C-alpha atoms as a PDB file:
ATOM      1  CA  MET A   1    -157.966  56.406 -95.633  1.00  0.00           C
ATOM      2  CA  LEU A   2    -156.082  58.928 -97.355  1.00  0.00           C
ATOM      3  CA  ILE A   3    -152.892  59.354 -94.865  1.00  0.00           C
ATOM      4  CA  GLY A   4    -151.075  56.456 -96.175  1.00  0.00           C
ATOM      5  CA  PRO A   5    -151.702  57.170-100.060  1.00  0.00           C
ATOM      6  CA  LEU A   6    -151.147  61.157 -99.636  1.00  0.00           C
ATOM      7  CA  LEU A   7    -147.994  60.058 -97.604  1.00  0.00           C
ATOM      8  CA  ALA A   8    -146.774  57.665-100.582  1.00  0.00           C
ATOM      9  CA  ARG A   9    -147.720  59.960-103.368  1.00  0.00           C
ATOM     10  CA  TYR A  10    -146.984  63.654-101.760  1.00  0.00           C
ATOM     11  CA  GLY A  11    -144.968  63.191 -98.534  1.00  0.00           C
ATOM     12  CA  LYS A  12    -147.498  64.743 -96.418  1.00  0.00           C
ATOM     13  CA  ALA A  13    -150.751  65.134 -94.864  1.00  0.00           C
ATOM     14  CA  VAL A  14    -153.255  66.727 -92.512  1.00  0.00           C
ATOM     15  CA  LEU A  15    -155.798  65.035 -90.897  1.00  0.00           C
ATOM     16  CA  PRO A  16    -158.452  66.904 -89.029  1.00  0.00           C
ATOM     17  CA  LYS A  17    -159.864  64.779 -85.597  1.00  0.00           C
ATOM     18  CA  PRO A  18    -162.442  62.145 -87.210  1.00  0.00           C
ATOM     19  CA  GLY A  19    -165.355  61.156 -85.632  1.00  0.00           C
ATOM     20  CA  GLY A  20    -167.636  58.167 -86.202  1.00  0.00           C
ATOM     21  CA  ASP A  21    -170.187  56.189 -84.574  1.00  0.00           C
ATOM     22  CA  LYS A  22    -170.807  56.505 -80.433  1.00  0.00           C
ATOM     23  CA  ILE A  23    -169.932  52.461 -79.646  1.00  0.00           C
ATOM     24  CA  GLY A  24    -166.899  53.380 -77.534  1.00  0.00           C
ATOM     25  CA  ARG A  25    -163.353  54.416 -77.865  1.00  0.00           C
ATOM     26  CA  ARG A  26    -162.347  53.942 -81.453  1.00  0.00           C
ATOM     27  CA  ARG A  27    -158.186  54.879 -81.247  1.00  0.00           C
ATOM     28  CA  LEU A  28    -156.375  55.414 -84.421  1.00  0.00           C
ATOM     29  CA  ASP A  29    -152.965  54.265 -82.454  1.00  0.00           C
ATOM     30  CA  THR A  30    -152.409  51.471 -85.167  1.00  0.00           C
ATOM     31  CA  HIS A  31    -152.707  53.951 -87.970  1.00  0.00           C
ATOM     32  CA  LEU A  32    -150.426  56.375 -86.750  1.00  0.00           C
ATOM     33  CA  LEU A  33    -148.105  53.617 -85.370  1.00  0.00           C
ATOM     34  CA  GLY A  34    -148.023  51.750 -88.332  1.00  0.00           C
ATOM     35  CA  LEU A  35    -147.513  54.634 -90.792  1.00  0.00           C
ATOM     36  CA  GLU A  36    -144.554  55.861 -88.237  1.00  0.00           C
ATOM     37  CA  GLU A  37    -142.539  52.632 -88.562  1.00  0.00           C
ATOM     38  CA  LEU A  38    -142.351  53.487 -92.352  1.00  0.00           C
ATOM     39  CA  GLY A  39    -141.001  56.897 -91.453  1.00  0.00           C
ATOM     40  CA  ALA A  40    -143.892  59.158 -91.094  1.00  0.00           C
ATOM     41  CA  ILE A  41    -143.743  61.754 -88.137  1.00  0.00           C
ATOM     42  CA  PHE A  42    -146.779  63.009 -86.808  1.00  0.00           C
ATOM     43  CA  ASP A  43    -147.350  65.831 -85.048  1.00  0.00           C
ATOM     44  CA  TYR A  44    -150.911  67.013 -83.294  1.00  0.00           C
ATOM     45  CA  ASN A  45    -152.119  70.106 -83.333  1.00  0.00           C
ATOM     46  CA  GLU A  46    -154.327  71.289 -79.663  1.00  0.00           C
ATOM     47  CA  THR A  47    -156.015  74.058 -81.091  1.00  0.00           C
ATOM     48  CA  LEU A  48    -156.928  73.596 -84.143  1.00  0.00           C
ATOM     49  CA  ASN A  49    -157.511  69.600 -83.578  1.00  0.00           C
ATOM     50  CA  TYR A  50    -156.016  68.126 -86.542  1.00  0.00           C
ATOM     51  CA  TYR A  51    -152.676  65.778 -87.345  1.00  0.00           C
ATOM     52  CA  ASP A  52    -149.639  66.986 -89.094  1.00  0.00           C
ATOM     53  CA  VAL A  53    -148.121  64.260 -91.161  1.00  0.00           C
ATOM     54  CA  LYS A  54    -144.390  64.227 -92.982  1.00  0.00           C
ATOM     55  CA  ALA A  55    -142.558  61.551 -94.822  1.00  0.00           C
ATOM     56  CA  PRO A  56    -139.967  62.687 -96.856  1.00  0.00           C
ATOM     57  CA  LYS A  57    -138.980  59.020 -97.769  1.00  0.00           C
ATOM     58  CA  LEU A  58    -140.641  56.158 -96.715  1.00  0.00           C
ATOM     59  CA  LYS A  59    -138.907  52.728 -95.892  1.00  0.00           C
ATOM     60  CA  GLY A  60    -140.097  49.702 -95.729  1.00  0.00           C
ATOM     61  CA  LYS A  61    -139.302  47.419 -92.717  1.00  0.00           C
ATOM     62  CA  TYR A  62    -140.868  44.224 -90.414  1.00  0.00           C
ATOM     63  CA  ILE A  63    -144.173  45.771 -88.605  1.00  0.00           C
ATOM     64  CA  LEU A  64    -146.074  44.187 -85.697  1.00  0.00           C
ATOM     65  CA  MET A  65    -149.390  45.440 -85.758  1.00  0.00           C
ATOM     66  CA  ASP A  66    -150.508  46.480 -81.568  1.00  0.00           C
ATOM     67  CA  GLU A  67    -154.062  45.777 -83.046  1.00  0.00           C
ATOM     68  CA  ILE A  68    -155.688  43.630 -86.011  1.00  0.00           C
ATOM     69  CA  SER A  69    -157.182  47.082 -87.566  1.00  0.00           C
ATOM     70  CA  VAL A  70    -159.179  46.639 -91.116  1.00  0.00           C
ATOM     71  CA  THR A  71    -158.409  50.529 -91.846  1.00  0.00           C
ATOM     72  CA  GLY A  72    -155.319  50.631 -89.886  1.00  0.00           C
ATOM     73  CA  THR A  73    -154.038  47.399 -92.311  1.00  0.00           C
ATOM     74  CA  ALA A  74    -155.138  49.071 -95.162  1.00  0.00           C
ATOM     75  CA  ASN A  75    -153.808  52.458 -94.343  1.00  0.00           C
ATOM     76  CA  VAL A  76    -150.208  50.757 -93.935  1.00  0.00           C
ATOM     77  CA  VAL A  77    -150.366  48.728 -96.966  1.00  0.00           C
ATOM     78  CA  MET A  78    -151.678  51.442 -99.199  1.00  0.00           C
ATOM     79  CA  ALA A  79    -148.340  53.379 -97.654  1.00  0.00           C
ATOM     80  CA  ALA A  80    -146.076  50.402 -97.779  1.00  0.00           C
ATOM     81  CA  VAL A  81    -146.442  49.778-101.497  1.00  0.00           C
ATOM     82  CA  LEU A  82    -144.854  52.966-102.497  1.00  0.00           C
ATOM     83  CA  ALA A  83    -142.163  52.477-100.099  1.00  0.00           C
ATOM     84  CA  GLU A  84    -138.353  52.012-100.531  1.00  0.00           C
ATOM     85  CA  GLY A  85    -137.697  48.068-100.077  1.00  0.00           C
ATOM     86  CA  LYS A  86    -139.876  45.349 -98.602  1.00  0.00           C
ATOM     87  CA  THR A  87    -142.243  45.481 -95.583  1.00  0.00           C
ATOM     88  CA  GLU A  88    -143.734  43.159 -93.953  1.00  0.00           C
ATOM     89  CA  ILE A  89    -147.182  43.279 -91.673  1.00  0.00           C
ATOM     90  CA  TYR A  90    -147.568  40.824 -89.344  1.00  0.00           C
ATOM     91  CA  ASN A  91    -151.237  40.790 -87.178  1.00  0.00           C
ATOM     92  CA  ALA A  92    -152.925  42.394 -90.176  1.00  0.00           C
ATOM     93  CA  ALA A  93    -156.395  42.363 -90.692  1.00  0.00           C
ATOM     94  CA  SER A  94    -157.443  39.305 -93.483  1.00  0.00           C
ATOM     95  CA  GLU A  95    -161.289  40.922 -93.959  1.00  0.00           C
ATOM     96  CA  PRO A  96    -162.908  41.327 -97.481  1.00  0.00           C
ATOM     97  CA  TYR A  97    -162.353  44.675 -97.836  1.00  0.00           C
ATOM     98  CA  VAL A  98    -157.881  44.313 -97.125  1.00  0.00           C
ATOM     99  CA  GLN A  99    -158.174  41.122 -99.568  1.00  0.00           C
ATOM    100  CA  GLN A 100    -159.929  43.134-102.012  1.00  0.00           C
ATOM    101  CA  LEU A 101    -158.051  46.306-101.516  1.00  0.00           C
ATOM    102  CA  CYS A 102    -155.300  44.045-101.896  1.00  0.00           C
ATOM    103  CA  LYS A 103    -155.784  42.373-104.888  1.00  0.00           C
ATOM    104  CA  MET A 104    -156.641  45.528-106.868  1.00  0.00           C
ATOM    105  CA  LEU A 105    -153.738  46.919-105.501  1.00  0.00           C
ATOM    106  CA  ASN A 106    -151.687  43.845-107.265  1.00  0.00           C
ATOM    107  CA  ARG A 107    -153.574  44.740-110.714  1.00  0.00           C
ATOM    108  CA  MET A 108    -152.227  48.472-110.933  1.00  0.00           C
ATOM    109  CA  GLY A 109    -148.754  47.120-110.055  1.00  0.00           C
ATOM    110  CA  ALA A 110    -148.418  46.474-106.527  1.00  0.00           C
ATOM    111  CA  LYS A 111    -146.300  43.508-105.568  1.00  0.00           C
ATOM    112  CA  ILE A 112    -148.218  42.225-102.038  1.00  0.00           C
ATOM    113  CA  ALA A 113    -148.042  38.475-101.281  1.00  0.00           C
ATOM    114  CA  GLY A 114    -149.828  36.227 -98.459  1.00  0.00           C
ATOM    115  CA  VAL A 115    -153.058  37.887 -99.243  1.00  0.00           C
ATOM    116  CA  GLY A 116    -155.717  36.941 -97.253  1.00  0.00           C
ATOM    117  CA  SER A 117    -153.361  35.695 -94.195  1.00  0.00           C
ATOM    118  CA  ASN A 118    -152.782  38.046 -91.173  1.00  0.00           C
ATOM    119  CA  LEU A 119    -148.815  38.086 -92.590  1.00  0.00           C
ATOM    120  CA  LEU A 120    -148.514  40.615 -95.687  1.00  0.00           C
ATOM    121  CA  THR A 121    -145.143  40.452 -97.173  1.00  0.00           C
ATOM    122  CA  ILE A 122    -144.904  44.077 -99.788  1.00  0.00           C
ATOM    123  CA  GLU A 123    -142.332  44.761-102.456  1.00  0.00           C
ATOM    124  CA  GLY A 124    -142.351  48.363-102.743  1.00  0.00           C
ATOM    125  CA  VAL A 125    -142.580  49.843-106.183  1.00  0.00           C
ATOM    126  CA  GLU A 126    -142.069  53.265-108.437  1.00  0.00           C
ATOM    127  CA  SER A 127    -145.496  53.581-109.254  1.00  0.00           C
ATOM    128  CA  LEU A 128    -148.663  52.606-109.411  1.00  0.00           C
ATOM    129  CA  GLY A 129    -151.246  51.970-112.883  1.00  0.00           C
ATOM    130  CA  GLY A 130    -154.985  52.319-113.538  1.00  0.00           C
ATOM    131  CA  THR A 131    -157.199  49.421-113.032  1.00  0.00           C
ATOM    132  CA  GLU A 132    -160.563  48.284-113.424  1.00  0.00           C
ATOM    133  CA  HIS A 133    -162.495  46.473-109.923  1.00  0.00           C
ATOM    134  CA  ARG A 134    -165.692  45.631-109.426  1.00  0.00           C
ATOM    135  CA  MET A 135    -166.749  46.241-105.560  1.00  0.00           C
ATOM    136  CA  LEU A 136    -168.046  43.430-103.087  1.00  0.00           C
ATOM    137  CA  PRO A 137    -171.652  43.707-102.303  1.00  0.00           C
ATOM    138  CA  ASP A 138    -171.682  44.741 -98.340  1.00  0.00           C
ATOM    139  CA  MET A 139    -171.452  41.372 -96.206  1.00  0.00           C
ATOM    140  CA  ILE A 140    -173.094  43.587 -93.169  1.00  0.00           C
ATOM    141  CA  GLU A 141    -176.157  44.277 -95.694  1.00  0.00           C
ATOM    142  CA  ILE A 142    -176.430  40.825 -96.923  1.00  0.00           C
ATOM    143  CA  GLY A 143    -176.885  39.960 -93.548  1.00  0.00           C
ATOM    144  CA  SER A 144    -179.189  42.429 -92.235  1.00  0.00           C
ATOM    145  CA  PHE A 145    -181.185  41.664 -94.971  1.00  0.00           C
ATOM    146  CA  ILE A 146    -181.216  38.173 -93.824  1.00  0.00           C
ATOM    147  CA  GLY A 147    -182.154  38.959 -90.323  1.00  0.00           C
ATOM    148  CA  LEU A 148    -184.545  41.348 -91.602  1.00  0.00           C
ATOM    149  CA  ALA A 149    -186.433  38.639 -93.687  1.00  0.00           C
ATOM    150  CA  ALA A 150    -186.310  35.780 -90.741  1.00  0.00           C
ATOM    151  CA  MET A 151    -187.891  38.866 -88.014  1.00  0.00           C
ATOM    152  CA  THR A 152    -190.625  39.762 -90.249  1.00  0.00           C
ATOM    153  CA  GLN A 153    -191.559  36.373 -91.463  1.00  0.00           C
ATOM    154  CA  SER A 154    -191.012  36.847 -94.889  1.00  0.00           C
ATOM    155  CA  GLU A 155    -189.756  35.379 -98.254  1.00  0.00           C
ATOM    156  CA  ILE A 156    -186.941  37.179 -99.955  1.00  0.00           C
ATOM    157  CA  THR A 157    -184.015  36.654-102.318  1.00  0.00           C
ATOM    158  CA  ILE A 158    -180.437  38.489-101.951  1.00  0.00           C
ATOM    159  CA  LYS A 159    -179.118  38.670-105.769  1.00  0.00           C
ATOM    160  CA  ASP A 160    -175.227  38.064-106.262  1.00  0.00           C
ATOM    161  CA  ALA A 161    -174.432  37.853-102.494  1.00  0.00           C
ATOM    162  CA  GLN A 162    -170.899  36.551-103.633  1.00  0.00           C
ATOM    163  CA  VAL A 163    -171.369  33.427-100.710  1.00  0.00           C
ATOM    164  CA  HIS A 164    -168.193  32.378-101.411  1.00  0.00           C
ATOM    165  CA  GLU A 165    -166.798  35.804 -99.627  1.00  0.00           C
ATOM    166  CA  LEU A 166    -169.004  35.279 -96.570  1.00  0.00           C
ATOM    167  CA  GLY A 167    -167.335  33.197 -94.437  1.00  0.00           C
ATOM    168  CA  ILE A 168    -168.923  32.080 -91.418  1.00  0.00           C
ATOM    169  CA  ILE A 169    -171.731  34.538 -91.669  1.00  0.00           C
ATOM    170  CA  PRO A 170    -174.554  32.511 -93.088  1.00  0.00           C
ATOM    171  CA  ARG A 171    -173.651  29.392 -90.251  1.00  0.00           C
ATOM    172  CA  VAL A 172    -174.081  31.977 -87.207  1.00  0.00           C
ATOM    173  CA  PHE A 173    -177.811  32.923 -89.087  1.00  0.00           C
ATOM    174  CA  GLU A 174    -178.123  29.348 -89.497  1.00  0.00           C
ATOM    175  CA  ARG A 175    -177.273  28.492 -85.803  1.00  0.00           C
ATOM    176  CA  MET A 176    -180.033  31.182 -84.789  1.00  0.00           C
ATOM    177  CA  GLY A 177    -182.390  28.990 -86.794  1.00  0.00           C
ATOM    178  CA  VAL A 178    -182.887  30.698 -89.946  1.00  0.00           C
ATOM    179  CA  GLN A 179    -183.268  28.586 -93.106  1.00  0.00           C
ATOM    180  CA  MET A 180    -181.286  29.405 -96.162  1.00  0.00           C
ATOM    181  CA  GLU A 181    -181.086  28.145 -99.728  1.00  0.00           C
ATOM    182  CA  PHE A 182    -178.068  28.908-101.859  1.00  0.00           C
ATOM    183  CA  ARG A 183    -179.008  29.340-105.696  1.00  0.00           C
ATOM    184  CA  GLY A 184    -175.819  30.221-107.279  1.00  0.00           C
ATOM    185  CA  ASP A 185    -174.745  33.440-105.836  1.00  0.00           C
ATOM    186  CA  ASP A 186    -177.913  34.024-104.892  1.00  0.00           C
ATOM    187  CA  ILE A 187    -179.539  33.641-101.107  1.00  0.00           C
ATOM    188  CA  TYR A 188    -182.900  32.421-100.637  1.00  0.00           C
ATOM    189  CA  ILE A 189    -184.626  32.981 -97.149  1.00  0.00           C
ATOM    190  CA  PRO A 190    -188.211  31.323 -96.981  1.00  0.00           C
ATOM    191  CA  ALA A 191    -191.117  32.811 -94.684  1.00  0.00           C
ATOM    192  CA  GLN A 192    -190.377  31.335 -91.546  1.00  0.00           C
ATOM    193  CA  GLU A 193    -193.115  30.493 -88.921  1.00  0.00           C
ATOM    194  CA  GLU A 194    -190.488  30.195 -86.020  1.00  0.00           C
ATOM    195  CA  TYR A 195    -186.803  29.857 -85.984  1.00  0.00           C
ATOM    196  CA  GLU A 196    -185.508  27.737 -83.129  1.00  0.00           C
ATOM    197  CA  ILE A 197    -181.792  28.583 -81.628  1.00  0.00           C
ATOM    198  CA  GLN A 198    -179.602  26.054 -81.731  1.00  0.00           C
ATOM    199  CA  SER A 199    -177.600  24.788 -78.633  1.00  0.00           C
ATOM    200  CA  PHE A 200    -173.801  23.653 -79.037  1.00  0.00           C
ATOM    201  CA  MET A 201    -173.488  20.074 -78.624  1.00  0.00           C
ATOM    202  CA  ASP A 202    -173.135  19.366 -74.992  1.00  0.00           C
ATOM    203  CA  GLY A 203    -176.485  21.015 -74.864  1.00  0.00           C
ATOM    204  CA  SER A 204    -174.882  24.357 -73.567  1.00  0.00           C
ATOM    205  CA  ILE A 205    -176.526  27.576 -73.813  1.00  0.00           C
ATOM    206  CA  MET A 206    -175.559  29.052 -77.676  1.00  0.00           C
ATOM    207  CA  THR A 207    -172.890  31.769 -77.310  1.00  0.00           C
ATOM    208  CA  ILE A 208    -172.518  34.368 -80.086  1.00  0.00           C
ATOM    209  CA  TYR A 209    -169.213  36.350 -79.865  1.00  0.00           C
ATOM    210  CA  ASP A 210    -167.547  38.881 -82.489  1.00  0.00           C
ATOM    211  CA  ALA A 211    -163.896  37.877 -83.607  1.00  0.00           C
ATOM    212  CA  PRO A 212    -161.271  39.433 -86.608  1.00  0.00           C
ATOM    213  CA  TRP A 213    -162.038  37.784 -89.817  1.00  0.00           C
ATOM    214  CA  PRO A 214    -162.081  34.935 -90.358  1.00  0.00           C
ATOM    215  CA  GLY A 215    -164.560  35.000 -87.057  1.00  0.00           C
ATOM    216  CA  PHE A 216    -167.766  36.676 -87.092  1.00  0.00           C
ATOM    217  CA  THR A 217    -167.879  40.625 -87.769  1.00  0.00           C
ATOM    218  CA  PRO A 218    -168.615  42.659 -84.873  1.00  0.00           C
ATOM    219  CA  ASP A 219    -171.060  45.036 -87.424  1.00  0.00           C
ATOM    220  CA  LEU A 220    -173.463  42.221 -87.507  1.00  0.00           C
ATOM    221  CA  MET A 221    -173.532  41.490 -83.460  1.00  0.00           C
ATOM    222  CA  SER A 222    -176.772  43.895 -83.052  1.00  0.00           C
ATOM    223  CA  ILE A 223    -178.698  42.738 -85.836  1.00  0.00           C
ATOM    224  CA  ILE A 224    -178.070  38.767 -84.114  1.00  0.00           C
ATOM    225  CA  LEU A 225    -179.087  40.222 -81.029  1.00  0.00           C
ATOM    226  CA  VAL A 226    -182.457  41.749 -81.883  1.00  0.00           C
ATOM    227  CA  LEU A 227    -183.195  38.608 -84.383  1.00  0.00           C
ATOM    228  CA  ALA A 228    -182.668  36.669 -80.883  1.00  0.00           C
ATOM    229  CA  ILE A 229    -186.135  38.259 -79.551  1.00  0.00           C
ATOM    230  CA  GLN A 230    -188.527  36.761 -81.404  1.00  0.00           C
ATOM    231  CA  ALA A 231    -186.286  33.076 -81.391  1.00  0.00           C
ATOM    232  CA  LYS A 232    -187.266  29.893 -80.013  1.00  0.00           C
ATOM    233  CA  GLY A 233    -184.732  29.706 -77.482  1.00  0.00           C
ATOM    234  CA  SER A 234    -182.007  32.025 -75.669  1.00  0.00           C
ATOM    235  CA  VAL A 235    -178.540  32.614 -76.740  1.00  0.00           C
ATOM    236  CA  LEU A 236    -175.773  35.006 -74.962  1.00  0.00           C
ATOM    237  CA  ILE A 237    -174.202  37.824 -77.426  1.00  0.00           C
ATOM    238  CA  HIS A 238    -170.893  38.696 -75.995  1.00  0.00           C
ATOM    239  CA  GLN A 239    -169.599  41.916 -78.167  1.00  0.00           C
ATOM    240  CA  LYS A 240    -166.232  42.004 -77.182  1.00  0.00           C
ATOM    241  CA  MET A 241    -164.543  44.563 -79.342  1.00  0.00           C
ATOM    242  CA  PHE A 242    -166.593  47.711 -78.332  1.00  0.00           C
ATOM    243  CA  GLU A 243    -167.874  48.830 -74.959  1.00  0.00           C
ATOM    244  CA  SER A 244    -170.347  50.917 -75.755  1.00  0.00           C
ATOM    245  CA  ARG A 245    -172.270  48.867 -78.543  1.00  0.00           C
ATOM    246  CA  LEU A 246    -174.677  46.855 -76.675  1.00  0.00           C
ATOM    247  CA  PHE A 247    -176.516  50.150 -74.728  1.00  0.00           C
ATOM    248  CA  PHE A 248    -179.197  49.981 -77.133  1.00  0.00           C
ATOM    249  CA  VAL A 249    -180.738  47.270 -75.887  1.00  0.00           C
ATOM    250  CA  ASP A 250    -182.942  49.334 -73.231  1.00  0.00           C
ATOM    251  CA  LYS A 251    -184.889  50.579 -76.196  1.00  0.00           C
ATOM    252  CA  LEU A 252    -185.586  47.263 -77.129  1.00  0.00           C
ATOM    253  CA  ILE A 253    -186.662  46.295 -73.590  1.00  0.00           C
ATOM    254  CA  ASP A 254    -189.075  49.258 -73.976  1.00  0.00           C
ATOM    255  CA  MET A 255    -190.345  47.550 -76.830  1.00  0.00           C
ATOM    256  CA  GLY A 256    -190.977  44.324 -75.164  1.00  0.00           C
ATOM    257  CA  ALA A 257    -187.649  42.249 -75.526  1.00  0.00           C
ATOM    258  CA  GLN A 258    -186.852  39.954 -72.815  1.00  0.00           C
ATOM    259  CA  ILE A 259    -183.205  40.666 -72.836  1.00  0.00           C
ATOM    260  CA  ILE A 260    -180.820  41.009 -69.438  1.00  0.00           C
ATOM    261  CA  LEU A 261    -177.586  42.800 -70.241  1.00  0.00           C
ATOM    262  CA  CYS A 262    -175.215  41.295 -68.015  1.00  0.00           C
ATOM    263  CA  ASP A 263    -172.669  43.827 -68.684  1.00  0.00           C
ATOM    264  CA  PRO A 264    -171.399  46.836 -71.217  1.00  0.00           C
ATOM    265  CA  HIS A 265    -170.117  43.485 -73.539  1.00  0.00           C
ATOM    266  CA  ARG A 266    -172.779  40.585 -72.884  1.00  0.00           C
ATOM    267  CA  ALA A 267    -176.210  40.545 -73.143  1.00  0.00           C
ATOM    268  CA  THR A 268    -178.642  37.443 -72.609  1.00  0.00           C
ATOM    269  CA  VAL A 269    -181.571  37.397 -74.861  1.00  0.00           C
ATOM    270  CA  ILE A 270    -184.769  34.557 -73.980  1.00  0.00           C
ATOM    271  CA  GLY A 271    -186.421  34.574 -77.147  1.00  0.00           C
ATOM    272  CA  LEU A 272    -190.312  35.413 -77.365  1.00  0.00           C
ATOM    273  CA  ASN A 273    -190.706  32.993 -80.077  1.00  0.00           C
ATOM    274  CA  ARG A 274    -193.739  35.247 -81.080  1.00  0.00           C
ATOM    275  CA  ARG A 275    -195.629  34.723 -78.112  1.00  0.00           C
ATOM    276  CA  PHE A 276    -195.576  38.640 -77.413  1.00  0.00           C
ATOM    277  CA  GLN A 277    -195.305  41.557 -80.708  1.00  0.00           C
ATOM    278  CA  LEU A 278    -192.926  44.182 -79.569  1.00  0.00           C
ATOM    279  CA  ARG A 279    -194.813  47.283 -79.273  1.00  0.00           C
ATOM    280  CA  GLY A 280    -193.431  50.531 -81.851  1.00  0.00           C
ATOM    281  CA  ILE A 281    -191.640  53.364 -79.523  1.00  0.00           C
ATOM    282  CA  GLU A 282    -190.072  56.543 -80.144  1.00  0.00           C
ATOM    283  CA  MET A 283    -186.152  56.166 -80.267  1.00  0.00           C
ATOM    284  CA  THR A 284    -183.095  57.488 -81.421  1.00  0.00           C
ATOM    285  CA  SER A 285    -180.349  55.733 -83.370  1.00  0.00           C
ATOM    286  CA  PRO A 286    -176.747  55.892 -81.677  1.00  0.00           C
ATOM    287  CA  ASP A 287    -174.481  54.013 -84.604  1.00  0.00           C
ATOM    288  CA  ILE A 288    -174.893  52.971 -87.930  1.00  0.00           C
ATOM    289  CA  ARG A 289    -175.392  49.104 -86.910  1.00  0.00           C
ATOM    290  CA  ALA A 290    -177.435  49.795 -84.103  1.00  0.00           C
ATOM    291  CA  GLY A 291    -180.138  52.187 -86.174  1.00  0.00           C
ATOM    292  CA  VAL A 292    -180.735  49.030 -88.503  1.00  0.00           C
ATOM    293  CA  ALA A 293    -181.409  46.829 -86.027  1.00  0.00           C
ATOM    294  CA  LEU A 294    -183.927  48.992 -84.412  1.00  0.00           C
ATOM    295  CA  LEU A 295    -185.268  49.539 -87.675  1.00  0.00           C
ATOM    296  CA  MET A 296    -185.276  45.714 -87.741  1.00  0.00           C
ATOM    297  CA  ALA A 297    -187.366  45.672 -84.521  1.00  0.00           C
ATOM    298  CA  ALA A 298    -189.713  48.775 -85.856  1.00  0.00           C
ATOM    299  CA  MET A 299    -190.852  46.494 -88.497  1.00  0.00           C
ATOM    300  CA  SER A 300    -191.745  43.561 -86.558  1.00  0.00           C
ATOM    301  CA  ALA A 301    -193.312  45.498 -83.723  1.00  0.00           C
ATOM    302  CA  ARG A 302    -196.835  46.574 -83.686  1.00  0.00           C
ATOM    303  CA  GLY A 303    -198.318  49.842 -83.952  1.00  0.00           C
ATOM    304  CA  ARG A 304    -195.830  52.992 -84.932  1.00  0.00           C
ATOM    305  CA  SER A 305    -192.169  53.373 -84.096  1.00  0.00           C
ATOM    306  CA  VAL A 306    -190.234  56.751 -84.927  1.00  0.00           C
ATOM    307  CA  ILE A 307    -186.408  56.693 -85.080  1.00  0.00           C
ATOM    308  CA  HIS A 308    -184.687  59.703 -84.294  1.00  0.00           C
ATOM    309  CA  ASN A 309    -180.300  60.296 -85.837  1.00  0.00           C
ATOM    310  CA  ILE A 310    -181.027  58.614 -89.209  1.00  0.00           C
ATOM    311  CA  HIS A 311    -178.454  59.936 -90.704  1.00  0.00           C
ATOM    312  CA  GLN A 312    -176.527  57.019 -88.801  1.00  0.00           C
ATOM    313  CA  ILE A 313    -178.719  54.745 -90.871  1.00  0.00           C
ATOM    314  CA  ASP A 314    -177.990  56.471 -94.165  1.00  0.00           C
ATOM    315  CA  ARG A 315    -174.259  56.109 -93.823  1.00  0.00           C
ATOM    316  CA  GLY A 316    -174.074  52.290 -94.189  1.00  0.00           C
ATOM    317  CA  TYR A 317    -177.480  51.699 -95.697  1.00  0.00           C
ATOM    318  CA  GLN A 318    -178.172  53.784 -98.802  1.00  0.00           C
ATOM    319  CA  ARG A 319    -181.622  54.591-100.034  1.00  0.00           C
ATOM    320  CA  ILE A 320    -183.062  51.957 -96.972  1.00  0.00           C
ATOM    321  CA  ASP A 321    -186.200  53.315 -96.887  1.00  0.00           C
ATOM    322  CA  GLU A 322    -186.981  53.422-100.225  1.00  0.00           C
ATOM    323  CA  ARG A 323    -185.675  49.616-100.779  1.00  0.00           C
ATOM    324  CA  LEU A 324    -187.806  48.053 -97.806  1.00  0.00           C
ATOM    325  CA  ASN A 325    -190.495  49.915 -99.076  1.00  0.00           C
ATOM    326  CA  ALA A 326    -190.242  48.297-102.413  1.00  0.00           C
ATOM    327  CA  LEU A 327    -190.218  44.740-100.236  1.00  0.00           C
ATOM    328  CA  GLY A 328    -193.513  46.048 -98.344  1.00  0.00           C
ATOM    329  CA  ALA A 329    -192.638  47.567 -95.832  1.00  0.00           C
ATOM    330  CA  SER A 330    -194.134  50.724 -94.956  1.00  0.00           C
ATOM    331  CA  ILE A 331    -191.441  53.398 -93.733  1.00  0.00           C
ATOM    332  CA  THR A 332    -192.117  57.317 -93.881  1.00  0.00           C
ATOM    333  CA  ARG A 333    -188.668  59.654 -94.332  1.00  0.00           C
ATOM    334  CA  LEU A 334    -189.610  62.643 -92.249  1.00  0.00           C
END
């Protein structure tokens, strides 16, 4: 995320090959191709595993993004605001993260039009100034807590959730049978004995799938999958974007869940409706969202569970053990 600003400010950057969650192929093409369109030149050093990037002068132009990438769009936007002339970014990501970045940049002196749409028009400026910005609450964390409350039959209130920025997220949880009450910007989730998955209007099985914003975020698919385990009814989870994101379901099956993994992208969950409690096991977290999904399953299971590789969870959920323990969980960090 520093390449765009570094190129705009200094005309050069060095990027070690990044890592990340083990959820499938995560290419950098969208970042690199977008910045190349503005005038950047990339050279990959195979010996040292890093990218050397140079851009003596960035010039605005029309860019058709090859992928609706949140961070790819953000990187190109940050470079384009200080590029010479006009930049148009079509097929841009429109997630709240990108909208917030654009709004903040505009307050710093940038000229970005089309915020919230998939076509951003940017008039380059000479320099940016300071501003004050309040971060949005994390919509993925909010969704995770909604799922946790329902799965563990708990009554909780999520404060200051900025409900108007959550898009389709509350509706998807309502389709899963979760009751919610919006009290201003707070979300109240009552304790539910059971929650029933809705059907489509024609009576067919509910399908939850991910899509670029304003569709349902892929980062909550793991939460929805685990939530479905103790629901009344069945659901087809269709994870379109990453080919390795559903591979944690084998641990859930070991815990007693009824899940059919159709292929790397689809899983059918047959809800237990609390007829059987999950059993605690020892498992490993492969990525941030699967890690919290496994934590959610462990909290609703009978007995003791051990989750390894929890730095993956820590990357996305600050002090999650302390905060859940404050709500009545029994989590020990080893």
